[in-house]
Amino acid sequence: MTQPPPTRPPADRQFSRDVAKHIDRRQVRRRMTLWAALLALASAAALYLRCGGGFGLLGIGGAGEGEGGAPRALTEPQRCVIHVSAGSMTIAGKAISRDEAVATCKASPGVDVFPTGDARHGDVEELRAALEAAGARAVVVHPPPRAPRPPGAPPRN
């Protein structure tokens, strides 16, 4: 008794599934590569727009606008800070007169005046007026510190 040869649809079905899986994997890999490349391009463009043409690595990269390769300062010029108390004025811990304070701070990009709790209001206003008359820019008089409230005291208005 001869039997008809067995058909092989399971093997053909498995083969077609394997081919479909392989094609799908290639599509997924292609799509992921495309998205990764687009993301890298977008981040490189953002980095270029944010940081400029050069990265400062071993002198490689372009110079900034109008600099011609000269190094830039890391910080801006410092503002002049004057502490005013009842008896004296200080800049960087050194006691000076009002005229010396005006002469020292008139060329700075800005002046911060910090009165202490015992400084006369008139002294602070005279200093502010003298600084503005000398041409000092951006004179800021900060409010004097307030004494701490004792525990349980009513809130200030």
N, C-alpha and C. Protein backbone atom coordinates (compact mmCIF):
# COMPACT_ATOMS: atom_id res chain seq x y z
N MET A 1 0.78 -1.14 0.00
CA MET A 1 0.00 0.00 0.00
C MET A 1 0.85 1.24 0.00
N THR A 2 0.67 1.84 -0.99
CA THR A 2 1.43 3.05 -1.10
C THR A 2 0.57 4.22 -0.65
N GLN A 3 1.22 4.99 0.08
CA GLN A 3 0.53 6.18 0.57
C GLN A 3 1.02 7.37 -0.23
N PRO A 4 0.12 8.32 -0.38
CA PRO A 4 0.57 9.49 -1.11
C PRO A 4 1.67 10.21 -0.32
N PRO A 5 2.56 10.87 -1.02
CA PRO A 5 3.62 11.56 -0.28
C PRO A 5 3.01 12.62 0.64
N PRO A 6 3.59 12.72 1.84
CA PRO A 6 3.04 13.71 2.78
C PRO A 6 3.28 15.14 2.26
N THR A 7 2.27 15.92 2.40
CA THR A 7 2.42 17.32 2.01
C THR A 7 3.20 18.06 3.08
N ARG A 8 3.81 19.13 2.72
CA ARG A 8 4.67 19.83 3.68
C ARG A 8 4.16 21.25 3.93
N PRO A 9 2.89 21.44 4.14
CA PRO A 9 2.47 22.80 4.43
C PRO A 9 3.02 23.33 5.74
N PRO A 10 3.19 22.52 6.82
CA PRO A 10 3.74 23.13 8.03
C PRO A 10 5.12 23.72 7.81
N ALA A 11 5.98 23.08 7.04
CA ALA A 11 7.32 23.60 6.82
C ALA A 11 7.25 24.87 5.97
N ASP A 12 6.40 24.88 4.97
CA ASP A 12 6.26 26.06 4.14
C ASP A 12 5.70 27.23 4.96
N ARG A 13 4.75 26.93 5.83
CA ARG A 13 4.17 27.97 6.67
C ARG A 13 5.23 28.52 7.62
N GLN A 14 6.05 27.65 8.19
CA GLN A 14 7.11 28.08 9.09
C GLN A 14 8.13 28.93 8.34
N PHE A 15 8.47 28.52 7.14
CA PHE A 15 9.42 29.27 6.32
C PHE A 15 8.89 30.67 6.03
N SER A 16 7.62 30.76 5.66
CA SER A 16 7.06 32.08 5.36
C SER A 16 7.01 32.95 6.62
N ARG A 17 6.74 32.35 7.78
CA ARG A 17 6.77 33.11 9.04
C ARG A 17 8.17 33.62 9.33
N ASP A 18 9.17 32.79 9.11
CA ASP A 18 10.56 33.20 9.35
C ASP A 18 10.96 34.36 8.42
N VAL A 19 10.55 34.28 7.18
CA VAL A 19 10.86 35.35 6.23
C VAL A 19 10.16 36.65 6.65
N ALA A 20 8.92 36.56 7.08
CA ALA A 20 8.18 37.75 7.52
C ALA A 20 8.83 38.37 8.76
N LYS A 21 9.27 37.51 9.69
CA LYS A 21 9.95 38.02 10.89
C LYS A 21 11.24 38.75 10.51
N HIS A 22 11.99 38.16 9.59
CA HIS A 22 13.26 38.77 9.18
C HIS A 22 13.02 40.12 8.50
N ILE A 23 12.01 40.21 7.65
CA ILE A 23 11.67 41.46 6.97
C ILE A 23 11.21 42.50 7.99
N ASP A 24 10.41 42.07 8.96
CA ASP A 24 9.92 42.99 9.99
C ASP A 24 11.08 43.51 10.84
N ARG A 25 11.99 42.63 11.19
CA ARG A 25 13.16 43.07 11.97
C ARG A 25 13.98 44.09 11.21
N ARG A 26 14.15 43.87 9.92
CA ARG A 26 14.91 44.82 9.10
C ARG A 26 14.19 46.17 9.04
N GLN A 27 12.86 46.15 8.95
CA GLN A 27 12.11 47.41 8.94
C GLN A 27 12.25 48.14 10.27
N VAL A 28 12.15 47.40 11.36
CA VAL A 28 12.27 48.02 12.68
C VAL A 28 13.67 48.59 12.86
N ARG A 29 14.69 47.83 12.44
CA ARG A 29 16.06 48.30 12.56
C ARG A 29 16.28 49.55 11.72
N ARG A 30 15.74 49.58 10.50
CA ARG A 30 15.86 50.73 9.63
C ARG A 30 15.17 51.95 10.24
N ARG A 31 13.96 51.73 10.79
CA ARG A 31 13.20 52.83 11.39
C ARG A 31 13.93 53.37 12.62
N MET A 32 14.46 52.50 13.47
CA MET A 32 15.19 52.95 14.66
C MET A 32 16.46 53.71 14.28
N THR A 33 17.15 53.24 13.23
CA THR A 33 18.34 53.95 12.77
C THR A 33 17.99 55.34 12.27
N LEU A 34 16.88 55.44 11.55
CA LEU A 34 16.45 56.74 11.04
C LEU A 34 16.10 57.69 12.19
N TRP A 35 15.35 57.22 13.18
CA TRP A 35 14.97 58.09 14.32
C TRP A 35 16.20 58.48 15.14
N ALA A 36 17.14 57.54 15.33
CA ALA A 36 18.36 57.88 16.08
C ALA A 36 19.18 58.93 15.33
N ALA A 37 19.26 58.81 14.00
CA ALA A 37 20.00 59.80 13.22
C ALA A 37 19.33 61.17 13.28
N LEU A 38 17.99 61.20 13.19
CA LEU A 38 17.28 62.47 13.29
C LEU A 38 17.45 63.11 14.67
N LEU A 39 17.40 62.31 15.72
CA LEU A 39 17.60 62.82 17.08
C LEU A 39 19.02 63.36 17.25
N ALA A 40 20.01 62.64 16.72
CA ALA A 40 21.40 63.12 16.81
C ALA A 40 21.57 64.42 16.04
N LEU A 41 20.94 64.53 14.88
CA LEU A 41 21.02 65.75 14.09
C LEU A 41 20.37 66.93 14.81
N ALA A 42 19.20 66.70 15.42
CA ALA A 42 18.51 67.76 16.15
C ALA A 42 19.33 68.21 17.36
N SER A 43 19.92 67.25 18.10
CA SER A 43 20.71 67.63 19.27
C SER A 43 22.00 68.34 18.85
N ALA A 44 22.60 67.94 17.74
CA ALA A 44 23.79 68.64 17.27
C ALA A 44 23.45 70.07 16.83
N ALA A 45 22.30 70.24 16.20
CA ALA A 45 21.88 71.59 15.79
C ALA A 45 21.61 72.46 17.01
N ALA A 46 20.95 71.90 18.03
CA ALA A 46 20.69 72.67 19.25
C ALA A 46 22.00 73.03 19.95
N LEU A 47 22.93 72.10 19.99
CA LEU A 47 24.23 72.36 20.62
C LEU A 47 24.99 73.45 19.85
N TYR A 48 24.93 73.40 18.54
CA TYR A 48 25.61 74.42 17.73
C TYR A 48 24.99 75.79 17.95
N LEU A 49 23.66 75.85 17.97
CA LEU A 49 23.00 77.14 18.17
C LEU A 49 23.23 77.67 19.57
N ARG A 50 23.32 76.80 20.55
CA ARG A 50 23.50 77.22 21.95
C ARG A 50 24.95 77.58 22.25
N CYS A 51 25.89 76.78 21.77
CA CYS A 51 27.30 76.95 22.14
C CYS A 51 28.12 77.69 21.10
N GLY A 52 27.64 77.88 19.92
CA GLY A 52 28.40 78.57 18.90
C GLY A 52 29.22 77.61 18.06
N GLY A 53 30.16 78.17 17.34
CA GLY A 53 30.91 77.38 16.39
C GLY A 53 32.02 76.55 16.99
N GLY A 54 32.59 76.94 18.09
CA GLY A 54 33.70 76.21 18.66
C GLY A 54 33.37 75.63 20.01
N PHE A 55 34.04 74.54 20.34
CA PHE A 55 33.80 73.89 21.62
C PHE A 55 34.95 74.12 22.60
N GLY A 56 36.03 74.78 22.16
CA GLY A 56 37.13 75.08 23.07
C GLY A 56 38.00 73.88 23.37
N LEU A 57 37.99 72.88 22.52
CA LEU A 57 38.79 71.68 22.73
C LEU A 57 40.12 71.81 22.00
N LEU A 58 41.17 72.00 22.72
CA LEU A 58 42.53 72.05 22.19
C LEU A 58 42.68 73.07 21.07
N GLY A 59 41.92 74.13 21.11
CA GLY A 59 42.01 75.16 20.10
C GLY A 59 41.29 74.80 18.81
N ILE A 60 40.58 73.67 18.80
CA ILE A 60 39.86 73.25 17.60
C ILE A 60 38.50 73.92 17.60
N GLY A 61 38.07 74.40 16.50
CA GLY A 61 36.76 75.03 16.41
C GLY A 61 36.91 76.49 16.11
N GLY A 62 35.81 77.08 15.70
CA GLY A 62 35.84 78.47 15.29
C GLY A 62 35.87 79.43 16.45
N ALA A 63 36.36 80.61 16.20
CA ALA A 63 36.36 81.66 17.21
C ALA A 63 35.00 82.32 17.22
N GLY A 64 34.67 82.97 18.29
CA GLY A 64 33.40 83.67 18.39
C GLY A 64 33.38 84.89 17.49
N GLU A 65 32.27 85.58 17.49
CA GLU A 65 32.12 86.72 16.61
C GLU A 65 33.05 87.86 17.02
N GLY A 66 33.91 88.26 16.13
CA GLY A 66 34.77 89.42 16.35
C GLY A 66 35.88 89.22 17.36
N GLU A 67 36.10 87.99 17.79
CA GLU A 67 37.12 87.77 18.80
C GLU A 67 38.48 87.46 18.20
N GLY A 68 38.48 86.80 17.06
CA GLY A 68 39.74 86.50 16.41
C GLY A 68 40.59 85.54 17.20
N GLY A 69 40.02 84.68 17.97
CA GLY A 69 40.77 83.68 18.72
C GLY A 69 41.25 84.15 20.07
N ALA A 70 40.96 85.38 20.46
CA ALA A 70 41.39 85.87 21.77
C ALA A 70 40.54 85.22 22.85
N PRO A 71 41.14 84.83 23.98
CA PRO A 71 40.34 84.19 25.03
C PRO A 71 39.35 85.17 25.65
N ARG A 72 38.18 84.65 25.99
CA ARG A 72 37.15 85.49 26.61
C ARG A 72 37.28 85.43 28.12
N ALA A 73 36.85 86.47 28.78
CA ALA A 73 36.85 86.49 30.24
C ALA A 73 35.74 85.55 30.73
N LEU A 74 36.01 84.83 31.81
CA LEU A 74 35.03 83.90 32.34
C LEU A 74 33.93 84.60 33.10
N THR A 75 34.20 85.76 33.66
CA THR A 75 33.19 86.49 34.42
C THR A 75 33.14 87.92 33.93
N GLU A 76 32.04 88.55 34.24
CA GLU A 76 31.91 89.97 33.93
C GLU A 76 32.67 90.79 34.97
N PRO A 77 32.91 92.06 34.70
CA PRO A 77 33.52 92.90 35.73
C PRO A 77 32.62 92.93 36.96
N GLN A 78 33.23 92.93 38.11
CA GLN A 78 32.48 92.86 39.37
C GLN A 78 31.86 94.20 39.70
N ARG A 79 30.68 94.13 40.30
CA ARG A 79 30.02 95.33 40.80
C ARG A 79 30.74 95.76 42.08
N CYS A 80 30.71 97.05 42.33
CA CYS A 80 31.34 97.60 43.52
C CYS A 80 30.35 97.45 44.69
N VAL A 81 30.80 96.91 45.81
CA VAL A 81 29.95 96.68 46.97
C VAL A 81 30.44 97.56 48.12
N ILE A 82 29.56 98.43 48.62
CA ILE A 82 29.89 99.34 49.72
C ILE A 82 29.01 98.98 50.90
N HIS A 83 29.63 98.74 52.05
CA HIS A 83 28.91 98.51 53.30
C HIS A 83 28.97 99.80 54.12
N VAL A 84 27.80 100.30 54.51
CA VAL A 84 27.72 101.55 55.24
C VAL A 84 27.26 101.25 56.66
N SER A 85 28.04 101.70 57.64
CA SER A 85 27.63 101.58 59.04
C SER A 85 27.63 102.99 59.64
N ALA A 86 27.35 103.09 60.94
CA ALA A 86 27.23 104.40 61.58
C ALA A 86 28.54 105.17 61.54
N GLY A 87 29.66 104.50 61.66
CA GLY A 87 30.92 105.21 61.76
C GLY A 87 31.75 105.22 60.49
N SER A 88 31.53 104.26 59.56
CA SER A 88 32.44 104.17 58.41
C SER A 88 31.75 103.51 57.22
N MET A 89 32.48 103.56 56.11
CA MET A 89 32.09 102.83 54.90
C MET A 89 33.24 101.89 54.57
N THR A 90 32.90 100.71 54.08
CA THR A 90 33.94 99.74 53.74
C THR A 90 33.70 99.18 52.34
N ILE A 91 34.80 98.96 51.64
CA ILE A 91 34.79 98.24 50.38
C ILE A 91 35.79 97.12 50.53
N ALA A 92 35.32 95.90 50.38
CA ALA A 92 36.16 94.70 50.52
C ALA A 92 36.87 94.68 51.88
N GLY A 93 36.16 95.10 52.91
CA GLY A 93 36.71 95.05 54.27
C GLY A 93 37.65 96.18 54.62
N LYS A 94 37.88 97.11 53.70
CA LYS A 94 38.81 98.23 53.96
C LYS A 94 37.99 99.49 54.19
N ALA A 95 38.20 100.16 55.33
CA ALA A 95 37.47 101.39 55.66
C ALA A 95 37.97 102.53 54.78
N ILE A 96 37.00 103.26 54.19
CA ILE A 96 37.33 104.38 53.32
C ILE A 96 36.35 105.52 53.58
N SER A 97 36.69 106.68 53.06
CA SER A 97 35.80 107.84 53.18
C SER A 97 34.79 107.81 52.03
N ARG A 98 33.79 108.72 52.12
CA ARG A 98 32.77 108.77 51.07
C ARG A 98 33.37 109.16 49.73
N ASP A 99 34.28 110.13 49.73
CA ASP A 99 34.90 110.56 48.47
C ASP A 99 35.73 109.45 47.83
N GLU A 100 36.46 108.68 48.66
CA GLU A 100 37.23 107.56 48.14
C GLU A 100 36.30 106.47 47.58
N ALA A 101 35.16 106.26 48.25
CA ALA A 101 34.20 105.27 47.77
C ALA A 101 33.64 105.67 46.42
N VAL A 102 33.34 106.95 46.26
CA VAL A 102 32.81 107.44 44.99
C VAL A 102 33.87 107.30 43.90
N ALA A 103 35.12 107.66 44.20
CA ALA A 103 36.19 107.57 43.21
C ALA A 103 36.46 106.11 42.82
N THR A 104 36.36 105.21 43.79
CA THR A 104 36.63 103.80 43.51
C THR A 104 35.52 103.17 42.67
N CYS A 105 34.28 103.52 42.95
CA CYS A 105 33.14 102.81 42.35
C CYS A 105 32.55 103.47 41.12
N LYS A 106 32.98 104.65 40.74
CA LYS A 106 32.29 105.32 39.63
C LYS A 106 32.58 104.65 38.28
N ALA A 107 33.67 103.92 38.15
CA ALA A 107 33.99 103.26 36.89
C ALA A 107 33.47 101.82 36.82
N SER A 108 32.92 101.29 37.89
CA SER A 108 32.44 99.91 37.89
C SER A 108 31.10 99.81 37.17
N PRO A 109 30.73 98.61 36.72
CA PRO A 109 29.47 98.47 35.98
C PRO A 109 28.23 98.67 36.83
N GLY A 110 28.37 98.63 38.12
CA GLY A 110 27.24 98.85 39.01
C GLY A 110 27.72 98.96 40.44
N VAL A 111 26.88 99.55 41.29
CA VAL A 111 27.25 99.76 42.69
C VAL A 111 26.12 99.22 43.57
N ASP A 112 26.48 98.40 44.55
CA ASP A 112 25.54 97.91 45.55
C ASP A 112 25.90 98.54 46.88
N VAL A 113 24.92 99.20 47.49
CA VAL A 113 25.13 99.84 48.80
C VAL A 113 24.32 99.05 49.82
N PHE A 114 25.00 98.53 50.84
CA PHE A 114 24.37 97.76 51.90
C PHE A 114 24.49 98.52 53.22
N PRO A 115 23.43 99.18 53.67
CA PRO A 115 23.50 99.84 54.98
C PRO A 115 23.30 98.80 56.09
N THR A 116 24.02 98.97 57.19
CA THR A 116 23.81 98.10 58.34
C THR A 116 22.69 98.68 59.18
N GLY A 117 22.35 98.01 60.25
CA GLY A 117 21.23 98.45 61.07
C GLY A 117 21.45 99.80 61.75
N ASP A 118 22.73 100.17 62.01
CA ASP A 118 22.98 101.42 62.73
C ASP A 118 23.38 102.57 61.80
N ALA A 119 23.31 102.38 60.49
CA ALA A 119 23.69 103.44 59.56
C ALA A 119 22.60 104.50 59.48
N ARG A 120 23.02 105.76 59.42
CA ARG A 120 22.06 106.86 59.27
C ARG A 120 21.50 106.86 57.86
N HIS A 121 20.22 107.10 57.75
CA HIS A 121 19.58 107.15 56.43
C HIS A 121 20.16 108.30 55.59
N GLY A 122 20.50 109.39 56.24
CA GLY A 122 21.07 110.53 55.53
C GLY A 122 22.43 110.21 54.92
N ASP A 123 23.25 109.41 55.63
CA ASP A 123 24.56 109.03 55.08
C ASP A 123 24.38 108.20 53.81
N VAL A 124 23.43 107.28 53.84
CA VAL A 124 23.19 106.41 52.68
C VAL A 124 22.68 107.25 51.50
N GLU A 125 21.77 108.18 51.77
CA GLU A 125 21.23 109.01 50.69
C GLU A 125 22.29 109.95 50.12
N GLU A 126 23.17 110.48 50.98
CA GLU A 126 24.26 111.34 50.50
C GLU A 126 25.22 110.54 49.61
N LEU A 127 25.52 109.32 50.02
CA LEU A 127 26.40 108.46 49.23
C LEU A 127 25.75 108.15 47.87
N ARG A 128 24.47 107.82 47.88
CA ARG A 128 23.77 107.53 46.63
C ARG A 128 23.78 108.74 45.70
N ALA A 129 23.50 109.92 46.26
CA ALA A 129 23.49 111.14 45.45
C ALA A 129 24.89 111.44 44.90
N ALA A 130 25.93 111.24 45.71
CA ALA A 130 27.30 111.50 45.26
C ALA A 130 27.70 110.52 44.16
N LEU A 131 27.29 109.25 44.29
CA LEU A 131 27.60 108.26 43.26
C LEU A 131 26.90 108.60 41.94
N GLU A 132 25.65 108.98 42.01
CA GLU A 132 24.92 109.33 40.80
C GLU A 132 25.47 110.60 40.17
N ALA A 133 25.90 111.57 41.00
CA ALA A 133 26.48 112.81 40.47
C ALA A 133 27.82 112.53 39.79
N ALA A 134 28.56 111.53 40.27
CA ALA A 134 29.86 111.19 39.68
C ALA A 134 29.70 110.35 38.41
N GLY A 135 28.47 109.91 38.11
CA GLY A 135 28.24 109.14 36.89
C GLY A 135 28.31 107.64 37.09
N ALA A 136 28.18 107.16 38.31
CA ALA A 136 28.17 105.72 38.55
C ALA A 136 26.90 105.13 37.96
N ARG A 137 27.02 103.94 37.37
CA ARG A 137 25.88 103.30 36.73
C ARG A 137 25.24 102.30 37.67
N ALA A 138 23.96 102.15 37.58
CA ALA A 138 23.18 101.13 38.29
C ALA A 138 23.46 101.12 39.79
N VAL A 139 23.19 102.22 40.46
CA VAL A 139 23.37 102.30 41.91
C VAL A 139 22.14 101.68 42.57
N VAL A 140 22.36 100.65 43.38
CA VAL A 140 21.28 99.95 44.07
C VAL A 140 21.52 100.05 45.56
N VAL A 141 20.56 100.65 46.27
CA VAL A 141 20.63 100.73 47.73
C VAL A 141 19.72 99.64 48.27
N HIS A 142 20.31 98.67 48.92
CA HIS A 142 19.56 97.55 49.47
C HIS A 142 18.96 97.96 50.82
N PRO A 143 17.81 97.42 51.19
CA PRO A 143 17.21 97.79 52.47
C PRO A 143 18.06 97.26 53.63
N PRO A 144 18.06 97.98 54.75
CA PRO A 144 18.85 97.50 55.89
C PRO A 144 18.22 96.23 56.45
N PRO A 145 19.04 95.40 57.09
CA PRO A 145 18.49 94.17 57.66
C PRO A 145 17.54 94.47 58.80
N ARG A 146 16.54 93.62 58.94
CA ARG A 146 15.57 93.79 60.03
C ARG A 146 15.96 92.88 61.18
N ALA A 147 15.68 93.34 62.37
CA ALA A 147 15.96 92.54 63.56
C ALA A 147 15.03 91.33 63.57
N PRO A 148 15.53 90.17 64.01
CA PRO A 148 14.66 89.00 64.05
C PRO A 148 13.54 89.17 65.07
N ARG A 149 12.38 88.61 64.75
CA ARG A 149 11.26 88.70 65.68
C ARG A 149 11.41 87.64 66.77
N PRO A 150 11.05 87.97 67.98
CA PRO A 150 11.10 86.95 69.04
C PRO A 150 10.01 85.92 68.79
N PRO A 151 10.18 84.72 69.30
CA PRO A 151 9.17 83.69 69.10
C PRO A 151 7.83 84.11 69.70
N GLY A 152 6.77 83.87 68.99
CA GLY A 152 5.43 84.19 69.49
C GLY A 152 5.00 85.60 69.24
N ALA A 153 5.83 86.44 68.63
CA ALA A 153 5.46 87.84 68.35
C ALA A 153 4.47 87.88 67.19
N PRO A 154 3.60 88.87 67.17
CA PRO A 154 2.64 88.95 66.06
C PRO A 154 3.36 89.28 64.75
N PRO A 155 2.80 88.89 63.61
CA PRO A 155 3.45 89.18 62.33
C PRO A 155 3.52 90.65 62.03
N ARG A 156 4.56 91.03 61.25
CA ARG A 156 4.72 92.43 60.85
C ARG A 156 3.79 92.75 59.71
N ASN A 157 3.39 94.01 59.64
CA ASN A 157 2.51 94.43 58.54
C ASN A 157 3.30 95.06 57.46
